[in-house]
Amino acid sequence: MRQIIDPRTIDFSAWHGGISTTEEERGEWNNMYSAERTRSLNGYLDRPCDGEIKYLLPFMRQIQGPSLELASGAMRIMMQLALHGYEVHGIEGSPHMIELGQKKIATLPPEVQRRIHVIQGDMRDFSLGRTFGLIMIPFDSLWHNLNEIGAEQCIMAILKHLAPGGIFLIDTPKFDEKAYWWETIKEKFGLALRTETCTHGPFHQAEMLVGSKKTK
């Protein structure tokens, strides 16, 4: 697990590649990853995820090897998948989220802890030196990139790490709202895309984008 740097030394808006340049966007970055916001939300660890796990398990059974989650937060989803016996990897931008998740992971059985791997990084620009059969972005987090340039860079990073025949999942892709952008991405990178419904809980259903590279 990569050493976590002191969050007090980070200007998150600059650290995330310099794409967000306006004062409003810089403020949004720093609020999104602040220690105060992480504490107030408890890293979403109190949010039930039974519906999400039920949706994800059939995909996990299909792939060979571990999955990768981008914007993995406090590893709420990763921990549940690890408890089901799966090896999971995550990339998260916030050291506060990672620290909170590590405290929770420390309460799990050692064999479960060994299945969970997370690093601090930028989901638009990372290189892990391996591929994954399943890559996922939970809970509307693709648009934490704040703009379409950043979102496209994230898609490119996903495709770089997607194994042949692999699948990527994006929760709340705003497929209708961003229809033109998604069509452009689909044609530019040769993707097969479809949407499904994922039940997050008794009162919340989310749109899930299921994507893959088109076979030639």
Protein backbone atom coordinates (compact mmCIF):
# COMPACT_ATOMS: atom_id res chain seq x y z
CA MET A 1 0.00 0.00 0.00
CA ARG A 2 1.53 3.35 -0.99
CA GLN A 3 2.56 5.67 1.82
CA ILE A 4 0.01 8.43 2.33
CA ILE A 5 1.45 11.93 2.17
CA ASP A 6 0.50 14.71 4.57
CA PRO A 7 -2.73 16.21 3.19
CA ARG A 8 -1.88 19.61 4.65
CA THR A 9 0.86 19.97 2.03
CA ILE A 10 -1.44 19.40 -0.98
CA ASP A 11 -3.26 21.86 -3.18
CA PHE A 12 -5.61 19.28 -4.70
CA SER A 13 -6.67 21.56 -7.55
CA ALA A 14 -3.08 21.81 -8.77
CA TRP A 15 -2.27 18.16 -8.03
CA HIS A 16 -5.04 16.93 -10.33
CA GLY A 17 -3.28 17.79 -13.54
CA GLY A 18 -4.14 21.47 -13.77
CA ILE A 19 -7.27 20.88 -15.84
CA SER A 20 -9.53 22.74 -13.43
CA THR A 21 -8.38 26.31 -13.83
CA THR A 22 -11.18 28.56 -12.64
CA GLU A 23 -11.43 29.77 -9.06
CA GLU A 24 -14.82 28.06 -8.73
CA GLU A 25 -13.41 24.72 -9.94
CA ARG A 26 -10.38 24.97 -7.66
CA GLY A 27 -12.71 25.56 -4.74
CA GLU A 28 -14.80 22.54 -5.75
CA TRP A 29 -11.72 20.30 -5.89
CA ASN A 30 -10.51 21.34 -2.45
CA ASN A 31 -13.96 20.97 -0.90
CA MET A 32 -14.45 17.55 -2.52
CA TYR A 33 -11.27 16.18 -0.96
CA SER A 34 -11.24 18.07 2.34
CA ALA A 35 -10.81 16.40 5.71
CA GLU A 36 -13.93 18.15 6.96
CA ARG A 37 -16.10 16.79 4.16
CA THR A 38 -14.70 13.29 4.61
CA ARG A 39 -15.49 13.36 8.33
CA SER A 40 -18.99 14.78 7.81
CA LEU A 41 -19.85 12.02 5.33
CA ASN A 42 -17.90 9.33 7.19
CA GLY A 43 -16.54 8.40 3.77
CA TYR A 44 -20.01 7.09 2.82
CA LEU A 45 -19.19 4.04 4.95
CA ASP A 46 -22.63 4.23 6.55
CA ARG A 47 -24.32 4.07 3.15
CA PRO A 48 -25.81 0.59 2.48
CA CYS A 49 -24.33 -1.08 -0.58
CA ASP A 50 -26.20 -4.40 -0.72
CA GLY A 51 -27.83 -3.47 -4.03
CA GLU A 52 -24.55 -2.41 -5.60
CA ILE A 53 -22.79 -5.59 -4.47
CA LYS A 54 -25.64 -7.74 -5.77
CA TYR A 55 -25.27 -5.98 -9.15
CA LEU A 56 -21.47 -6.31 -9.23
CA LEU A 57 -21.07 -9.96 -8.18
CA PRO A 58 -22.10 -11.48 -11.54
CA PHE A 59 -19.44 -9.32 -13.24
CA MET A 60 -16.85 -10.41 -10.67
CA ARG A 61 -17.64 -14.05 -11.38
CA GLN A 62 -17.05 -13.50 -15.11
CA ILE A 63 -13.55 -12.08 -14.87
CA GLN A 64 -10.27 -13.81 -14.20
CA GLY A 65 -8.22 -11.94 -11.65
CA PRO A 66 -8.88 -8.80 -9.61
CA SER A 67 -10.98 -5.75 -10.35
CA LEU A 68 -10.00 -2.08 -10.31
CA GLU A 69 -12.13 0.67 -8.79
CA LEU A 70 -11.45 4.31 -9.58
CA ALA A 71 -12.44 7.01 -7.09
CA SER A 72 -12.64 4.20 -4.55
CA GLY A 73 -13.21 6.57 -1.63
CA ALA A 74 -13.01 4.91 1.78
CA MET A 75 -13.19 1.52 0.01
CA ARG A 76 -16.80 0.82 0.96
CA ILE A 77 -17.41 -1.31 -2.17
CA MET A 78 -13.94 -2.85 -2.17
CA MET A 79 -14.31 -4.15 1.37
CA GLN A 80 -17.60 -5.87 0.59
CA LEU A 81 -16.19 -7.52 -2.55
CA ALA A 82 -13.13 -8.65 -0.56
CA LEU A 83 -15.45 -10.17 2.03
CA HIS A 84 -16.96 -12.20 -0.84
CA GLY A 85 -13.49 -13.57 -1.60
CA TYR A 86 -12.36 -11.27 -4.44
CA GLU A 87 -9.07 -9.41 -4.83
CA VAL A 88 -9.72 -5.72 -5.42
CA HIS A 89 -7.54 -2.75 -6.34
CA GLY A 90 -8.44 0.91 -5.98
CA ILE A 91 -7.23 4.39 -6.86
CA GLU A 92 -8.39 7.31 -4.75
CA GLY A 93 -7.39 10.96 -4.84
CA SER A 94 -8.11 11.85 -1.23
CA PRO A 95 -5.66 10.83 1.50
CA HIS A 96 -8.42 11.53 4.03
CA MET A 97 -10.72 8.98 2.38
CA ILE A 98 -7.92 6.42 2.23
CA GLU A 99 -6.98 6.94 5.86
CA LEU A 100 -10.60 6.51 6.94
CA GLY A 101 -10.94 3.33 4.88
CA GLN A 102 -7.70 1.89 6.24
CA LYS A 103 -9.03 2.20 9.78
CA LYS A 104 -12.11 0.19 8.77
CA ILE A 105 -10.03 -2.37 6.87
CA ALA A 106 -7.92 -2.93 9.99
CA THR A 107 -11.00 -4.39 11.70
CA LEU A 108 -11.47 -7.06 9.03
CA PRO A 109 -9.97 -10.58 9.15
CA PRO A 110 -6.34 -10.69 7.95
CA GLU A 111 -7.18 -12.82 4.91
CA VAL A 112 -9.71 -10.20 3.80
CA GLN A 113 -7.28 -7.36 4.39
CA ARG A 114 -4.76 -9.05 2.08
CA ARG A 115 -7.25 -8.90 -0.81
CA ILE A 116 -7.53 -5.10 -0.69
CA HIS A 117 -4.98 -2.87 -2.44
CA VAL A 118 -5.31 0.90 -2.76
CA ILE A 119 -3.03 3.72 -3.88
CA GLN A 120 -3.44 7.46 -3.89
CA GLY A 121 -3.58 8.72 -7.46
CA ASP A 122 -5.35 10.62 -10.21
CA MET A 123 -7.96 8.60 -12.11
CA ARG A 124 -7.17 10.58 -15.27
CA ASP A 125 -3.49 9.69 -15.31
CA PHE A 126 -2.19 6.48 -13.78
CA SER A 127 -0.07 3.52 -14.86
CA LEU A 128 -0.28 0.27 -12.92
CA GLY A 129 1.66 -1.96 -15.30
CA ARG A 130 -1.15 -4.50 -15.59
CA THR A 131 -4.68 -4.93 -16.90
CA PHE A 132 -8.00 -5.80 -15.27
CA GLY A 133 -11.05 -7.70 -16.49
CA LEU A 134 -13.36 -5.28 -14.69
CA ILE A 135 -12.84 -1.56 -14.02
CA MET A 136 -15.53 0.41 -12.25
CA ILE A 137 -16.30 3.98 -11.21
CA PRO A 138 -18.97 4.22 -8.50
CA PHE A 139 -21.51 6.79 -7.42
CA ASP A 140 -21.35 9.52 -10.12
CA SER A 141 -17.59 9.82 -9.64
CA LEU A 142 -16.65 10.07 -13.33
CA TRP A 143 -17.88 13.65 -13.19
CA HIS A 144 -15.65 14.42 -10.22
CA ASN A 145 -13.25 15.15 -13.06
CA LEU A 146 -15.44 18.29 -13.37
CA ASN A 147 -15.29 18.64 -17.15
CA GLU A 148 -15.40 16.59 -20.35
CA ILE A 149 -11.67 16.92 -20.99
CA GLY A 150 -10.89 15.30 -17.67
CA ALA A 151 -13.59 12.66 -18.17
CA GLU A 152 -12.11 11.72 -21.56
CA GLN A 153 -8.65 11.40 -20.03
CA CYS A 154 -10.17 9.07 -17.45
CA ILE A 155 -11.77 6.92 -20.17
CA MET A 156 -8.38 6.72 -21.92
CA ALA A 157 -6.73 5.56 -18.70
CA ILE A 158 -9.44 2.94 -18.23
CA LEU A 159 -8.97 1.57 -21.74
CA LYS A 160 -5.21 1.42 -21.23
CA HIS A 161 -5.76 -0.88 -18.24
CA LEU A 162 -8.69 -2.94 -19.58
CA ALA A 163 -7.87 -6.56 -20.35
CA PRO A 164 -8.96 -8.06 -23.70
CA GLY A 165 -12.65 -8.80 -23.43
CA GLY A 166 -12.84 -6.73 -20.25
CA ILE A 167 -15.75 -4.59 -19.08
CA PHE A 168 -15.91 -1.16 -17.48
CA LEU A 169 -18.82 0.10 -15.39
CA ILE A 170 -19.67 3.74 -14.74
CA ASP A 171 -22.35 4.57 -12.19
CA THR A 172 -24.55 7.56 -13.17
CA PRO A 173 -22.86 8.35 -16.50
CA LYS A 174 -25.43 11.07 -17.36
CA PHE A 175 -25.90 9.19 -20.63
CA ASP A 176 -28.86 11.29 -21.78
CA GLU A 177 -27.56 14.63 -20.56
CA LYS A 178 -24.14 13.95 -22.13
CA ALA A 179 -25.45 12.06 -25.18
CA TYR A 180 -23.34 13.92 -27.74
CA TRP A 181 -20.19 13.53 -25.65
CA TRP A 182 -20.76 9.80 -25.12
CA GLU A 183 -21.43 9.28 -28.83
CA THR A 184 -18.15 11.05 -29.62
CA ILE A 185 -16.26 8.91 -27.09
CA LYS A 186 -17.92 5.76 -28.43
CA GLU A 187 -16.83 6.46 -32.00
CA LYS A 188 -13.38 7.82 -31.10
CA PHE A 189 -12.33 4.77 -29.09
CA GLY A 190 -14.41 2.05 -30.76
CA LEU A 191 -16.58 1.19 -27.78
CA ALA A 192 -19.70 -0.87 -27.26
CA LEU A 193 -21.92 0.86 -24.69
CA ARG A 194 -25.23 0.08 -23.03
CA THR A 195 -27.05 1.24 -19.92
CA GLU A 196 -28.66 -0.80 -17.16
CA THR A 197 -30.37 -0.05 -13.87
CA CYS A 198 -28.53 -0.67 -10.62
CA THR A 199 -30.56 -0.64 -7.40
CA HIS A 200 -28.60 1.12 -4.68
CA GLY A 201 -31.26 0.74 -2.05
CA PRO A 202 -35.01 0.63 -1.47
CA PHE A 203 -35.41 4.27 -2.52
CA HIS A 204 -32.61 4.77 -5.02
CA GLN A 205 -31.97 3.38 -8.47
CA ALA A 206 -29.04 4.51 -10.59
CA GLU A 207 -28.17 4.27 -14.24
CA MET A 208 -25.11 2.11 -14.91
CA LEU A 209 -23.08 2.33 -18.10
CA VAL A 210 -21.63 -1.00 -19.22
CA GLY A 211 -18.80 -0.55 -21.71
CA SER A 212 -16.22 -2.61 -23.58
CA LYS A 213 -13.93 -2.36 -26.55
CA LYS A 214 -15.57 -3.49 -29.77
CA THR A 215 -14.19 -6.74 -31.13
CA LYS A 216 -12.84 -6.53 -34.65
